[in-house]
Amino acid sequence: MSREKNPTTLTAKKRAPRKTAIAQAVQSVAPAPFTGPEQRAALIAEAAYFRAEKRGFAPGHDTEDWLAAESEVDARLLKADFAPRV
C-alpha cells in the first residue's frame, strides 16, 4: 500500500545555510582545541633547536634553551586556547 505523493502532501526539505569562504578558511586555520604531550614536546624541541642555532650551537646551554623554549611554547598554546573562535 504505497502512499501517493502529490503537491499538497509533500513537505519541503530545509537546507542548512552554506558556509561562506571566510568561515571555511577560518575553520581550517583555527588551532586544534587540544595539543597532546607528543606535539607539545615536538614544538619545544624545535624551538630549543632554533634557539641553539641562533647562538651558534655553543655547548653548555642545552637546559637553558629547553626551558626558554618550553616557556615560549606554553605561552603560545595558552594564547591559542583562549583566542576567540569564529
C-alpha atoms as a PDB file:
ATOM      1  CA  MET A   1       0.000   0.000   0.000  1.00  0.00           C
ATOM      2  CA  SER A   2       2.038   2.864  -1.269  1.00  0.00           C
ATOM      3  CA  ARG A   3       1.038   6.344  -0.499  1.00  0.00           C
ATOM      4  CA  GLU A   4       0.587   8.554  -3.487  1.00  0.00           C
ATOM      5  CA  LYS A   5       2.539  11.780  -3.355  1.00  0.00           C
ATOM      6  CA  ASN A   6       1.039  14.910  -4.673  1.00  0.00           C
ATOM      7  CA  PRO A   7       1.996  18.571  -4.300  1.00  0.00           C
ATOM      8  CA  THR A   8      -0.236  19.025  -1.280  1.00  0.00           C
ATOM      9  CA  THR A   9       1.292  16.187   0.738  1.00  0.00           C
ATOM     10  CA  LEU A  10       4.972  16.860   0.007  1.00  0.00           C
ATOM     11  CA  THR A  11       6.986  18.523   2.692  1.00  0.00           C
ATOM     12  CA  ALA A  12       9.740  20.916   1.809  1.00  0.00           C
ATOM     13  CA  LYS A  13      13.216  19.895   2.927  1.00  0.00           C
ATOM     14  CA  LYS A  14      15.092  22.558   4.793  1.00  0.00           C
ATOM     15  CA  ARG A  15      18.695  23.048   3.865  1.00  0.00           C
ATOM     16  CA  ALA A  16      21.428  24.175   6.176  1.00  0.00           C
ATOM     17  CA  PRO A  17      22.908  27.532   5.216  1.00  0.00           C
ATOM     18  CA  ARG A  18      26.106  27.312   3.217  1.00  0.00           C
ATOM     19  CA  LYS A  19      29.313  28.281   4.889  1.00  0.00           C
ATOM     20  CA  THR A  20      30.970  31.323   3.453  1.00  0.00           C
ATOM     21  CA  ALA A  21      34.501  31.097   2.104  1.00  0.00           C
ATOM     22  CA  ILE A  22      35.770  33.097   5.080  1.00  0.00           C
ATOM     23  CA  ALA A  23      34.111  30.780   7.590  1.00  0.00           C
ATOM     24  CA  GLN A  24      35.606  27.756   5.842  1.00  0.00           C
ATOM     25  CA  ALA A  25      39.076  29.342   5.821  1.00  0.00           C
ATOM     26  CA  VAL A  26      38.909  30.310   9.489  1.00  0.00           C
ATOM     27  CA  GLN A  27      37.714  26.844  10.456  1.00  0.00           C
ATOM     28  CA  SER A  28      40.589  25.182   8.604  1.00  0.00           C
ATOM     29  CA  VAL A  29      43.199  27.546  10.133  1.00  0.00           C
ATOM     30  CA  ALA A  30      41.845  27.525  13.686  1.00  0.00           C
ATOM     31  CA  PRO A  31      44.153  25.701  16.086  1.00  0.00           C
ATOM     32  CA  ALA A  32      43.153  22.358  17.464  1.00  0.00           C
ATOM     33  CA  PRO A  33      41.482  22.651  20.853  1.00  0.00           C
ATOM     34  CA  PHE A  34      43.979  20.245  22.398  1.00  0.00           C
ATOM     35  CA  THR A  35      47.678  19.706  21.837  1.00  0.00           C
ATOM     36  CA  GLY A  36      48.872  16.347  23.041  1.00  0.00           C
ATOM     37  CA  PRO A  37      52.074  15.759  25.010  1.00  0.00           C
ATOM     38  CA  GLU A  38      53.889  14.422  21.941  1.00  0.00           C
ATOM     39  CA  GLN A  39      53.016  17.505  19.891  1.00  0.00           C
ATOM     40  CA  ARG A  40      53.996  19.801  22.749  1.00  0.00           C
ATOM     41  CA  ALA A  41      57.376  18.079  23.146  1.00  0.00           C
ATOM     42  CA  ALA A  42      57.994  18.321  19.395  1.00  0.00           C
ATOM     43  CA  LEU A  43      57.205  22.050  19.420  1.00  0.00           C
ATOM     44  CA  ILE A  44      59.537  22.588  22.386  1.00  0.00           C
ATOM     45  CA  ALA A  45      62.340  20.607  20.752  1.00  0.00           C
ATOM     46  CA  GLU A  46      62.012  22.642  17.558  1.00  0.00           C
ATOM     47  CA  ALA A  47      62.013  25.955  19.439  1.00  0.00           C
ATOM     48  CA  ALA A  48      65.041  24.854  21.504  1.00  0.00           C
ATOM     49  CA  TYR A  49      66.868  23.888  18.327  1.00  0.00           C
ATOM     50  CA  PHE A  50      66.276  27.309  16.797  1.00  0.00           C
ATOM     51  CA  ARG A  51      67.482  28.999  19.984  1.00  0.00           C
ATOM     52  CA  ALA A  52      70.693  26.931  19.904  1.00  0.00           C
ATOM     53  CA  GLU A  53      71.120  27.698  16.204  1.00  0.00           C
ATOM     54  CA  LYS A  54      70.900  31.455  16.885  1.00  0.00           C
ATOM     55  CA  ARG A  55      73.693  31.029  19.447  1.00  0.00           C
ATOM     56  CA  GLY A  56      75.850  29.057  17.020  1.00  0.00           C
ATOM     57  CA  PHE A  57      75.304  25.770  18.906  1.00  0.00           C
ATOM     58  CA  ALA A  58      77.646  26.811  21.705  1.00  0.00           C
ATOM     59  CA  PRO A  59      77.825  23.932  24.221  1.00  0.00           C
ATOM     60  CA  GLY A  60      76.558  24.158  27.790  1.00  0.00           C
ATOM     61  CA  HIS A  61      73.228  25.901  27.197  1.00  0.00           C
ATOM     62  CA  ASP A  62      71.002  22.902  26.473  1.00  0.00           C
ATOM     63  CA  THR A  63      68.883  23.153  29.613  1.00  0.00           C
ATOM     64  CA  GLU A  64      68.592  26.924  29.300  1.00  0.00           C
ATOM     65  CA  ASP A  65      67.420  26.593  25.687  1.00  0.00           C
ATOM     66  CA  TRP A  66      64.921  23.875  26.574  1.00  0.00           C
ATOM     67  CA  LEU A  67      63.396  25.791  29.494  1.00  0.00           C
ATOM     68  CA  ALA A  68      63.108  29.007  27.488  1.00  0.00           C
ATOM     69  CA  ALA A  69      61.536  27.114  24.582  1.00  0.00           C
ATOM     70  CA  GLU A  70      59.140  25.343  26.956  1.00  0.00           C
ATOM     71  CA  SER A  71      58.004  28.656  28.387  1.00  0.00           C
ATOM     72  CA  GLU A  72      57.585  30.143  24.904  1.00  0.00           C
ATOM     73  CA  VAL A  73      55.592  27.185  23.573  1.00  0.00           C
ATOM     74  CA  ASP A  74      53.352  27.009  26.644  1.00  0.00           C
ATOM     75  CA  ALA A  75      52.593  30.726  26.339  1.00  0.00           C
ATOM     76  CA  ARG A  76      51.673  30.301  22.653  1.00  0.00           C
ATOM     77  CA  LEU A  77      49.473  27.289  23.406  1.00  0.00           C
ATOM     78  CA  LEU A  78      47.657  29.097  26.208  1.00  0.00           C
ATOM     79  CA  LYS A  79      47.122  32.111  23.988  1.00  0.00           C
ATOM     80  CA  ALA A  80      45.725  29.858  21.227  1.00  0.00           C
ATOM     81  CA  ASP A  81      43.387  28.098  23.685  1.00  0.00           C
ATOM     82  CA  PHE A  82      41.866  31.376  24.826  1.00  0.00           C
ATOM     83  CA  ALA A  83      41.746  33.067  21.432  1.00  0.00           C
ATOM     84  CA  PRO A  84      38.190  33.786  20.292  1.00  0.00           C
ATOM     85  CA  ARG A  85      36.955  31.304  17.727  1.00  0.00           C
ATOM     86  CA  VAL A  86      34.796  32.433  14.852  1.00  0.00           C
END
